Amino acid sequence: MFSPLWNPTSADLIPITATFSECVIGFGAEDVHMSSGYAAAFMPQVGCERNKPYIVTFAVRAELHARAYPAHLIAAVCFRWQVLGMLGGNFTANITEWAVVDVAGNGNENTATFHIFVDKSEPQVELLSSTPSPTNGNITITGVCLSLFRSLPTYHL
């Protein structure tokens, strides 16, 4: 599984793409186990390299991990969805063993867990001054510089 977002992210939705090594059948949002949130806009990703979604008709054997698969299914290599409603903190998602099968009836193995940190907290600012209060003179304000800035200027009010 892959997302184009930077880690950590403050995004309200996380786009995720799952790419299998071959066409799989029966993959749906219910097959993705997520630590929070829900999957929306779940579909085969047509623009994915090697991905050519098509309808497959086949007879499914009852012994396929005791899961009922319809006779007509979309088979594809890549699937994409968006995760909405995540809580802040570590977000994880994985696809469990036998969530999908290939056209030969082989089930998938457990996937590596997808991780991203969702940071919904706003940055805090602390201004410091060595000038006693009250004063009628110049006040020098200093603070801690974020790594994006080279230095923090001194302002005289």
N, C-alpha and C. Protein backbone atom coordinates (compact mmCIF):
# COMPACT_ATOMS: atom_id res chain seq x y z
N MET A 1 0.85 -1.17 0.00
CA MET A 1 0.00 0.00 0.00
C MET A 1 0.89 1.24 0.00
N PHE A 2 0.38 2.28 -0.63
CA PHE A 2 1.16 3.50 -0.83
C PHE A 2 0.23 4.71 -0.76
N SER A 3 0.74 5.83 -0.24
CA SER A 3 0.05 7.10 -0.29
C SER A 3 1.04 8.17 -0.73
N PRO A 4 0.61 9.12 -1.58
CA PRO A 4 1.52 10.17 -2.02
C PRO A 4 1.76 11.26 -0.98
N LEU A 5 1.09 11.18 0.18
CA LEU A 5 1.24 12.21 1.21
C LEU A 5 2.56 12.07 1.96
N TRP A 6 3.04 13.22 2.42
CA TRP A 6 4.22 13.22 3.29
C TRP A 6 3.84 12.66 4.64
N ASN A 7 4.80 12.07 5.31
CA ASN A 7 4.60 11.56 6.66
C ASN A 7 5.46 12.38 7.61
N PRO A 8 4.89 13.10 8.56
CA PRO A 8 3.49 13.16 8.98
C PRO A 8 2.67 14.03 8.04
N THR A 9 1.34 13.95 8.20
CA THR A 9 0.41 14.75 7.41
C THR A 9 -0.64 15.36 8.32
N SER A 10 -1.23 16.46 7.86
CA SER A 10 -2.36 17.05 8.56
C SER A 10 -3.61 16.97 7.68
N ALA A 11 -3.54 16.20 6.62
CA ALA A 11 -4.64 16.10 5.65
C ALA A 11 -5.91 15.53 6.28
N ASP A 12 -7.05 15.95 5.75
CA ASP A 12 -8.33 15.44 6.21
C ASP A 12 -8.69 14.12 5.54
N LEU A 13 -8.05 13.83 4.43
CA LEU A 13 -8.23 12.54 3.79
C LEU A 13 -6.89 12.01 3.30
N ILE A 14 -6.76 10.70 3.31
CA ILE A 14 -5.52 10.05 2.89
C ILE A 14 -5.83 9.18 1.67
N PRO A 15 -5.28 9.53 0.49
CA PRO A 15 -5.45 8.65 -0.66
C PRO A 15 -4.49 7.46 -0.54
N ILE A 16 -5.00 6.26 -0.73
CA ILE A 16 -4.17 5.05 -0.62
C ILE A 16 -4.35 4.21 -1.88
N THR A 17 -3.27 3.64 -2.36
CA THR A 17 -3.29 2.72 -3.49
C THR A 17 -2.70 1.39 -3.05
N ALA A 18 -3.40 0.31 -3.35
CA ALA A 18 -2.89 -1.04 -3.11
C ALA A 18 -2.60 -1.67 -4.47
N THR A 19 -1.39 -2.19 -4.65
CA THR A 19 -0.99 -2.82 -5.90
C THR A 19 -0.64 -4.27 -5.62
N PHE A 20 -1.33 -5.18 -6.29
CA PHE A 20 -1.06 -6.61 -6.15
C PHE A 20 -0.14 -7.07 -7.27
N SER A 21 0.48 -8.21 -7.11
CA SER A 21 1.43 -8.71 -8.11
C SER A 21 0.73 -9.25 -9.36
N GLU A 22 -0.57 -9.51 -9.27
CA GLU A 22 -1.36 -9.97 -10.41
C GLU A 22 -2.81 -9.59 -10.16
N CYS A 23 -3.66 -9.81 -11.16
CA CYS A 23 -5.07 -9.49 -11.00
C CYS A 23 -5.66 -10.28 -9.85
N VAL A 24 -6.45 -9.59 -9.02
CA VAL A 24 -7.13 -10.23 -7.90
C VAL A 24 -8.62 -9.99 -8.03
N ILE A 25 -9.38 -10.83 -7.36
CA ILE A 25 -10.83 -10.79 -7.44
C ILE A 25 -11.39 -10.72 -6.02
N GLY A 26 -12.44 -9.93 -5.85
CA GLY A 26 -13.13 -9.90 -4.57
C GLY A 26 -12.62 -8.88 -3.59
N PHE A 27 -11.79 -7.94 -4.02
CA PHE A 27 -11.22 -6.96 -3.11
C PHE A 27 -12.20 -5.80 -2.93
N GLY A 28 -12.49 -5.46 -1.69
CA GLY A 28 -13.39 -4.36 -1.39
C GLY A 28 -12.95 -3.62 -0.14
N ALA A 29 -13.61 -2.52 0.16
CA ALA A 29 -13.26 -1.69 1.31
C ALA A 29 -13.29 -2.48 2.61
N GLU A 30 -14.18 -3.48 2.70
CA GLU A 30 -14.28 -4.27 3.93
C GLU A 30 -13.05 -5.15 4.17
N ASP A 31 -12.20 -5.31 3.16
CA ASP A 31 -10.99 -6.12 3.29
C ASP A 31 -9.80 -5.33 3.85
N VAL A 32 -9.95 -4.03 3.99
CA VAL A 32 -8.88 -3.18 4.51
C VAL A 32 -9.18 -2.89 5.97
N HIS A 33 -8.31 -3.30 6.85
CA HIS A 33 -8.47 -3.05 8.29
C HIS A 33 -7.70 -1.79 8.65
N MET A 34 -8.42 -0.77 9.14
CA MET A 34 -7.81 0.52 9.45
C MET A 34 -7.97 0.83 10.93
N SER A 35 -6.97 1.54 11.48
CA SER A 35 -6.99 1.87 12.90
C SER A 35 -8.06 2.91 13.24
N SER A 36 -8.43 3.76 12.29
CA SER A 36 -9.51 4.73 12.48
C SER A 36 -9.96 5.19 11.10
N GLY A 37 -11.10 5.85 11.05
CA GLY A 37 -11.61 6.35 9.78
C GLY A 37 -12.36 5.29 8.99
N TYR A 38 -12.72 5.65 7.77
CA TYR A 38 -13.44 4.73 6.89
C TYR A 38 -13.00 4.97 5.45
N ALA A 39 -13.15 3.94 4.62
CA ALA A 39 -12.75 4.02 3.21
C ALA A 39 -13.89 4.58 2.37
N ALA A 40 -13.57 5.50 1.47
CA ALA A 40 -14.55 6.08 0.55
C ALA A 40 -13.96 6.05 -0.85
N ALA A 41 -14.81 6.13 -1.85
CA ALA A 41 -14.40 6.15 -3.26
C ALA A 41 -13.49 4.98 -3.60
N PHE A 42 -13.85 3.79 -3.14
CA PHE A 42 -13.05 2.58 -3.35
C PHE A 42 -13.31 2.06 -4.76
N MET A 43 -12.24 1.91 -5.58
CA MET A 43 -12.42 1.45 -6.95
C MET A 43 -11.10 0.97 -7.55
N PRO A 44 -11.21 0.16 -8.62
CA PRO A 44 -9.99 -0.19 -9.35
C PRO A 44 -9.38 1.08 -9.92
N GLN A 45 -8.08 1.17 -9.92
CA GLN A 45 -7.41 2.36 -10.44
C GLN A 45 -6.98 2.08 -11.87
N VAL A 46 -7.70 2.63 -12.80
CA VAL A 46 -7.46 2.37 -14.22
C VAL A 46 -6.12 2.93 -14.66
N GLY A 47 -5.67 4.04 -14.12
CA GLY A 47 -4.43 4.66 -14.54
C GLY A 47 -3.18 3.97 -14.03
N CYS A 48 -3.33 2.92 -13.24
CA CYS A 48 -2.18 2.23 -12.67
C CYS A 48 -1.46 1.43 -13.74
N GLU A 49 -0.15 1.44 -13.69
CA GLU A 49 0.65 0.66 -14.64
C GLU A 49 0.27 -0.82 -14.51
N ARG A 50 0.14 -1.52 -15.61
CA ARG A 50 -0.22 -2.94 -15.70
C ARG A 50 -1.67 -3.20 -15.32
N ASN A 51 -2.46 -2.18 -15.04
CA ASN A 51 -3.82 -2.41 -14.56
C ASN A 51 -4.82 -2.29 -15.69
N LYS A 52 -5.53 -3.34 -15.93
CA LYS A 52 -6.60 -3.34 -16.92
C LYS A 52 -7.80 -4.02 -16.29
N PRO A 53 -8.63 -3.28 -15.54
CA PRO A 53 -9.79 -3.91 -14.90
C PRO A 53 -10.70 -4.55 -15.94
N TYR A 54 -11.21 -5.69 -15.64
CA TYR A 54 -12.14 -6.37 -16.53
C TYR A 54 -13.05 -7.26 -15.71
N ILE A 55 -14.16 -7.64 -16.30
CA ILE A 55 -15.11 -8.52 -15.63
C ILE A 55 -14.68 -9.96 -15.88
N VAL A 56 -14.66 -10.74 -14.82
CA VAL A 56 -14.25 -12.14 -14.92
C VAL A 56 -15.45 -13.01 -14.54
N THR A 57 -15.70 -14.01 -15.34
CA THR A 57 -16.73 -14.99 -15.01
C THR A 57 -16.02 -16.31 -14.73
N PHE A 58 -16.26 -16.89 -13.57
CA PHE A 58 -15.61 -18.15 -13.23
C PHE A 58 -16.44 -18.87 -12.18
N ALA A 59 -16.21 -20.14 -12.05
CA ALA A 59 -16.89 -20.93 -11.02
C ALA A 59 -16.00 -20.95 -9.79
N VAL A 60 -16.53 -20.54 -8.67
CA VAL A 60 -15.74 -20.46 -7.45
C VAL A 60 -15.96 -21.73 -6.64
N ARG A 61 -14.84 -22.33 -6.22
CA ARG A 61 -14.91 -23.53 -5.39
C ARG A 61 -15.31 -23.13 -3.97
N ALA A 62 -16.14 -23.92 -3.34
CA ALA A 62 -16.63 -23.62 -1.99
C ALA A 62 -15.52 -23.64 -0.96
N GLU A 63 -14.44 -24.35 -1.22
CA GLU A 63 -13.38 -24.45 -0.22
C GLU A 63 -12.44 -23.25 -0.21
N LEU A 64 -12.72 -22.22 -1.00
CA LEU A 64 -11.85 -21.04 -1.03
C LEU A 64 -12.01 -20.23 0.26
N HIS A 65 -11.39 -20.73 1.29
CA HIS A 65 -11.32 -20.04 2.58
C HIS A 65 -12.69 -19.64 3.11
N ALA A 66 -13.69 -20.44 2.83
CA ALA A 66 -15.05 -20.26 3.36
C ALA A 66 -15.61 -18.86 3.12
N ARG A 67 -15.26 -18.26 1.99
CA ARG A 67 -15.74 -16.93 1.66
C ARG A 67 -16.58 -17.01 0.38
N ALA A 68 -17.70 -16.36 0.37
CA ALA A 68 -18.57 -16.39 -0.80
C ALA A 68 -18.14 -15.30 -1.78
N TYR A 69 -17.79 -15.70 -2.99
CA TYR A 69 -17.45 -14.76 -4.05
C TYR A 69 -18.52 -14.84 -5.13
N PRO A 70 -19.03 -13.71 -5.60
CA PRO A 70 -20.00 -13.76 -6.68
C PRO A 70 -19.36 -14.29 -7.97
N ALA A 71 -20.18 -14.76 -8.89
CA ALA A 71 -19.66 -15.33 -10.13
C ALA A 71 -19.09 -14.27 -11.06
N HIS A 72 -19.58 -13.04 -11.03
CA HIS A 72 -19.08 -11.96 -11.88
C HIS A 72 -18.40 -10.92 -10.99
N LEU A 73 -17.12 -10.73 -11.19
CA LEU A 73 -16.36 -9.80 -10.34
C LEU A 73 -15.42 -8.96 -11.19
N ILE A 74 -15.03 -7.83 -10.64
CA ILE A 74 -14.00 -7.02 -11.29
C ILE A 74 -12.65 -7.53 -10.82
N ALA A 75 -11.80 -7.84 -11.78
CA ALA A 75 -10.44 -8.26 -11.46
C ALA A 75 -9.50 -7.11 -11.84
N ALA A 76 -8.58 -6.80 -10.97
CA ALA A 76 -7.65 -5.70 -11.24
C ALA A 76 -6.38 -5.91 -10.41
N VAL A 77 -5.33 -5.16 -10.77
CA VAL A 77 -4.06 -5.20 -10.06
C VAL A 77 -4.00 -4.09 -9.02
N CYS A 78 -4.47 -2.90 -9.37
CA CYS A 78 -4.40 -1.73 -8.49
C CYS A 78 -5.79 -1.27 -8.08
N PHE A 79 -5.91 -0.90 -6.82
CA PHE A 79 -7.15 -0.35 -6.28
C PHE A 79 -6.81 0.92 -5.52
N ARG A 80 -7.70 1.89 -5.56
CA ARG A 80 -7.46 3.15 -4.87
C ARG A 80 -8.69 3.53 -4.05
N TRP A 81 -8.44 4.14 -2.89
CA TRP A 81 -9.52 4.64 -2.05
C TRP A 81 -9.00 5.80 -1.22
N GLN A 82 -9.91 6.49 -0.56
CA GLN A 82 -9.56 7.59 0.32
C GLN A 82 -10.03 7.24 1.73
N VAL A 83 -9.21 7.58 2.69
CA VAL A 83 -9.59 7.36 4.08
C VAL A 83 -10.04 8.70 4.66
N LEU A 84 -11.24 8.70 5.21
CA LEU A 84 -11.81 9.90 5.82
C LEU A 84 -12.08 9.63 7.30
N GLY A 85 -12.21 10.69 8.08
CA GLY A 85 -12.61 10.56 9.49
C GLY A 85 -11.55 9.97 10.40
N MET A 86 -10.26 10.16 10.04
CA MET A 86 -9.19 9.63 10.89
C MET A 86 -9.08 10.44 12.17
N LEU A 87 -8.68 9.76 13.23
CA LEU A 87 -8.31 10.44 14.46
C LEU A 87 -6.86 10.88 14.33
N GLY A 88 -6.43 11.81 15.15
CA GLY A 88 -5.03 12.20 15.13
C GLY A 88 -4.15 11.09 15.69
N GLY A 89 -2.89 11.11 15.34
CA GLY A 89 -1.94 10.10 15.83
C GLY A 89 -1.57 9.11 14.75
N ASN A 90 -1.09 7.95 15.16
CA ASN A 90 -0.67 6.93 14.20
C ASN A 90 -1.88 6.32 13.51
N PHE A 91 -1.86 6.33 12.19
CA PHE A 91 -2.89 5.67 11.40
C PHE A 91 -2.25 4.45 10.74
N THR A 92 -2.91 3.31 10.82
CA THR A 92 -2.40 2.10 10.18
C THR A 92 -3.51 1.45 9.36
N ALA A 93 -3.09 0.73 8.32
CA ALA A 93 -4.02 -0.04 7.49
C ALA A 93 -3.29 -1.28 6.99
N ASN A 94 -4.03 -2.38 6.90
CA ASN A 94 -3.44 -3.60 6.31
C ASN A 94 -4.53 -4.44 5.67
N ILE A 95 -4.10 -5.36 4.84
CA ILE A 95 -5.00 -6.28 4.15
C ILE A 95 -4.65 -7.67 4.67
N THR A 96 -5.60 -8.34 5.27
CA THR A 96 -5.32 -9.62 5.90
C THR A 96 -5.22 -10.75 4.87
N GLU A 97 -4.68 -11.85 5.33
CA GLU A 97 -4.53 -13.04 4.50
C GLU A 97 -5.88 -13.51 3.99
N TRP A 98 -5.92 -13.94 2.74
CA TRP A 98 -7.12 -14.45 2.07
C TRP A 98 -8.22 -13.40 1.92
N ALA A 99 -7.86 -12.13 1.90
CA ALA A 99 -8.86 -11.09 1.64
C ALA A 99 -9.29 -11.13 0.18
N VAL A 100 -8.38 -11.53 -0.71
CA VAL A 100 -8.65 -11.60 -2.15
C VAL A 100 -8.07 -12.90 -2.71
N VAL A 101 -8.53 -13.25 -3.90
CA VAL A 101 -7.96 -14.41 -4.60
C VAL A 101 -7.62 -14.00 -6.02
N ASP A 102 -6.69 -14.73 -6.64
CA ASP A 102 -6.42 -14.52 -8.05
C ASP A 102 -7.36 -15.40 -8.87
N VAL A 103 -7.28 -15.34 -10.18
CA VAL A 103 -8.21 -16.10 -11.02
C VAL A 103 -8.02 -17.60 -10.88
N ALA A 104 -6.88 -18.04 -10.35
CA ALA A 104 -6.63 -19.46 -10.12
C ALA A 104 -7.14 -19.92 -8.76
N GLY A 105 -7.62 -18.99 -7.92
CA GLY A 105 -8.14 -19.35 -6.61
C GLY A 105 -7.13 -19.29 -5.49
N ASN A 106 -5.95 -18.72 -5.73
CA ASN A 106 -4.93 -18.58 -4.68
C ASN A 106 -5.21 -17.32 -3.87
N GLY A 107 -5.18 -17.44 -2.55
CA GLY A 107 -5.41 -16.29 -1.68
C GLY A 107 -4.14 -15.48 -1.48
N ASN A 108 -4.32 -14.21 -1.13
CA ASN A 108 -3.16 -13.35 -0.85
C ASN A 108 -2.57 -13.67 0.52
N GLU A 109 -1.32 -13.27 0.71
CA GLU A 109 -0.66 -13.38 2.01
C GLU A 109 -0.93 -12.10 2.79
N ASN A 110 -0.60 -12.09 4.08
CA ASN A 110 -0.71 -10.86 4.87
C ASN A 110 0.15 -9.77 4.23
N THR A 111 -0.35 -8.55 4.26
CA THR A 111 0.42 -7.43 3.71
C THR A 111 1.19 -6.74 4.82
N ALA A 112 2.21 -6.01 4.41
CA ALA A 112 2.91 -5.16 5.36
C ALA A 112 1.94 -4.06 5.78
N THR A 113 2.03 -3.61 7.01
CA THR A 113 1.12 -2.58 7.51
C THR A 113 1.56 -1.21 7.00
N PHE A 114 0.58 -0.46 6.49
CA PHE A 114 0.80 0.91 6.04
C PHE A 114 0.72 1.81 7.27
N HIS A 115 1.69 2.73 7.41
CA HIS A 115 1.73 3.65 8.56
C HIS A 115 1.83 5.09 8.06
N ILE A 116 1.09 5.98 8.70
CA ILE A 116 1.28 7.42 8.50
C ILE A 116 0.84 8.11 9.79
N PHE A 117 1.51 9.19 10.16
CA PHE A 117 1.16 9.92 11.37
C PHE A 117 0.29 11.11 10.97
N VAL A 118 -0.89 11.21 11.57
CA VAL A 118 -1.83 12.30 11.31
C VAL A 118 -1.70 13.31 12.43
N ASP A 119 -1.19 14.50 12.10
CA ASP A 119 -0.94 15.54 13.10
C ASP A 119 -1.97 16.65 12.90
N LYS A 120 -2.95 16.71 13.77
CA LYS A 120 -4.00 17.73 13.70
C LYS A 120 -3.76 18.89 14.66
N SER A 121 -2.63 18.87 15.38
CA SER A 121 -2.37 19.93 16.36
C SER A 121 -1.77 21.16 15.67
N GLU A 122 -2.17 22.34 16.17
CA GLU A 122 -1.65 23.59 15.64
C GLU A 122 -0.32 23.92 16.31
N PRO A 123 0.59 24.58 15.59
CA PRO A 123 1.85 24.96 16.23
C PRO A 123 1.62 26.00 17.33
N GLN A 124 2.40 25.92 18.36
CA GLN A 124 2.30 26.86 19.48
C GLN A 124 3.46 27.85 19.41
N VAL A 125 3.23 29.07 19.83
CA VAL A 125 4.25 30.12 19.81
C VAL A 125 4.43 30.63 21.23
N GLU A 126 5.68 30.81 21.63
CA GLU A 126 5.99 31.40 22.92
C GLU A 126 6.94 32.56 22.69
N LEU A 127 6.56 33.75 23.10
CA LEU A 127 7.41 34.92 22.98
C LEU A 127 8.02 35.22 24.34
N LEU A 128 9.31 35.48 24.34
CA LEU A 128 10.03 35.74 25.58
C LEU A 128 10.65 37.13 25.55
N SER A 129 10.72 37.78 26.70
CA SER A 129 11.36 39.08 26.79
C SER A 129 12.05 39.20 28.14
N SER A 130 13.23 39.77 28.11
CA SER A 130 13.95 40.00 29.37
C SER A 130 13.64 41.39 29.93
N THR A 131 12.83 42.18 29.22
CA THR A 131 12.46 43.52 29.67
C THR A 131 11.41 43.40 30.78
N PRO A 132 11.66 44.08 31.94
CA PRO A 132 10.68 44.00 33.04
C PRO A 132 9.38 44.70 32.66
N SER A 133 8.31 44.27 33.26
CA SER A 133 7.01 44.86 32.99
C SER A 133 6.54 45.60 34.23
N PRO A 134 5.97 46.74 34.18
CA PRO A 134 5.73 47.56 32.99
C PRO A 134 6.99 48.33 32.60
N THR A 135 7.01 48.81 31.36
CA THR A 135 8.13 49.61 30.88
C THR A 135 7.62 50.62 29.87
N ASN A 136 8.36 51.70 29.71
CA ASN A 136 8.02 52.67 28.66
C ASN A 136 9.15 52.77 27.64
N GLY A 137 10.05 51.77 27.65
CA GLY A 137 11.18 51.77 26.72
C GLY A 137 11.03 50.70 25.65
N ASN A 138 12.13 50.43 24.97
CA ASN A 138 12.15 49.39 23.95
C ASN A 138 11.97 48.02 24.59
N ILE A 139 11.27 47.14 23.90
CA ILE A 139 11.08 45.76 24.35
C ILE A 139 11.71 44.85 23.33
N THR A 140 12.60 44.01 23.77
CA THR A 140 13.23 43.03 22.88
C THR A 140 12.50 41.70 23.07
N ILE A 141 11.98 41.17 21.97
CA ILE A 141 11.27 39.89 22.00
C ILE A 141 12.12 38.86 21.28
N THR A 142 12.31 37.73 21.94
CA THR A 142 13.06 36.62 21.32
C THR A 142 12.18 35.38 21.40
N GLY A 143 12.52 34.41 20.62
CA GLY A 143 11.74 33.17 20.64
C GLY A 143 12.54 32.04 20.05
N VAL A 144 11.92 30.89 19.97
CA VAL A 144 12.57 29.71 19.41
C VAL A 144 12.27 29.68 17.92
N CYS A 145 13.29 29.45 17.13
CA CYS A 145 13.18 29.45 15.69
C CYS A 145 12.82 28.06 15.18
N LEU A 146 11.89 27.97 14.24
CA LEU A 146 11.60 26.70 13.59
C LEU A 146 12.71 26.37 12.61
N SER A 147 12.87 25.12 12.28
CA SER A 147 13.97 24.70 11.41
C SER A 147 13.85 25.29 10.01
N LEU A 148 12.67 25.78 9.62
CA LEU A 148 12.51 26.36 8.29
C LEU A 148 13.14 27.74 8.17
N PHE A 149 13.39 28.39 9.30
CA PHE A 149 13.96 29.73 9.29
C PHE A 149 15.43 29.67 9.70
N ARG A 150 16.23 30.55 9.11
CA ARG A 150 17.65 30.57 9.44
C ARG A 150 17.92 31.28 10.76
N SER A 151 17.19 32.35 11.02
CA SER A 151 17.34 33.04 12.29
C SER A 151 16.07 33.80 12.60
N LEU A 152 15.89 34.15 13.84
CA LEU A 152 14.73 34.91 14.26
C LEU A 152 15.17 36.34 14.51
N PRO A 153 14.62 37.30 13.76
CA PRO A 153 15.06 38.68 13.94
C PRO A 153 14.59 39.24 15.28
N THR A 154 15.28 40.29 15.74
CA THR A 154 14.89 41.01 16.94
C THR A 154 14.11 42.24 16.52
N TYR A 155 12.94 42.43 17.10
CA TYR A 155 12.12 43.59 16.75
C TYR A 155 12.11 44.58 17.89
N HIS A 156 12.17 45.85 17.57
CA HIS A 156 12.05 46.92 18.57
C HIS A 156 10.73 47.61 18.32
N LEU A 157 9.86 47.58 19.32
CA LEU A 157 8.53 48.20 19.17
C LEU A 157 8.52 49.60 19.70
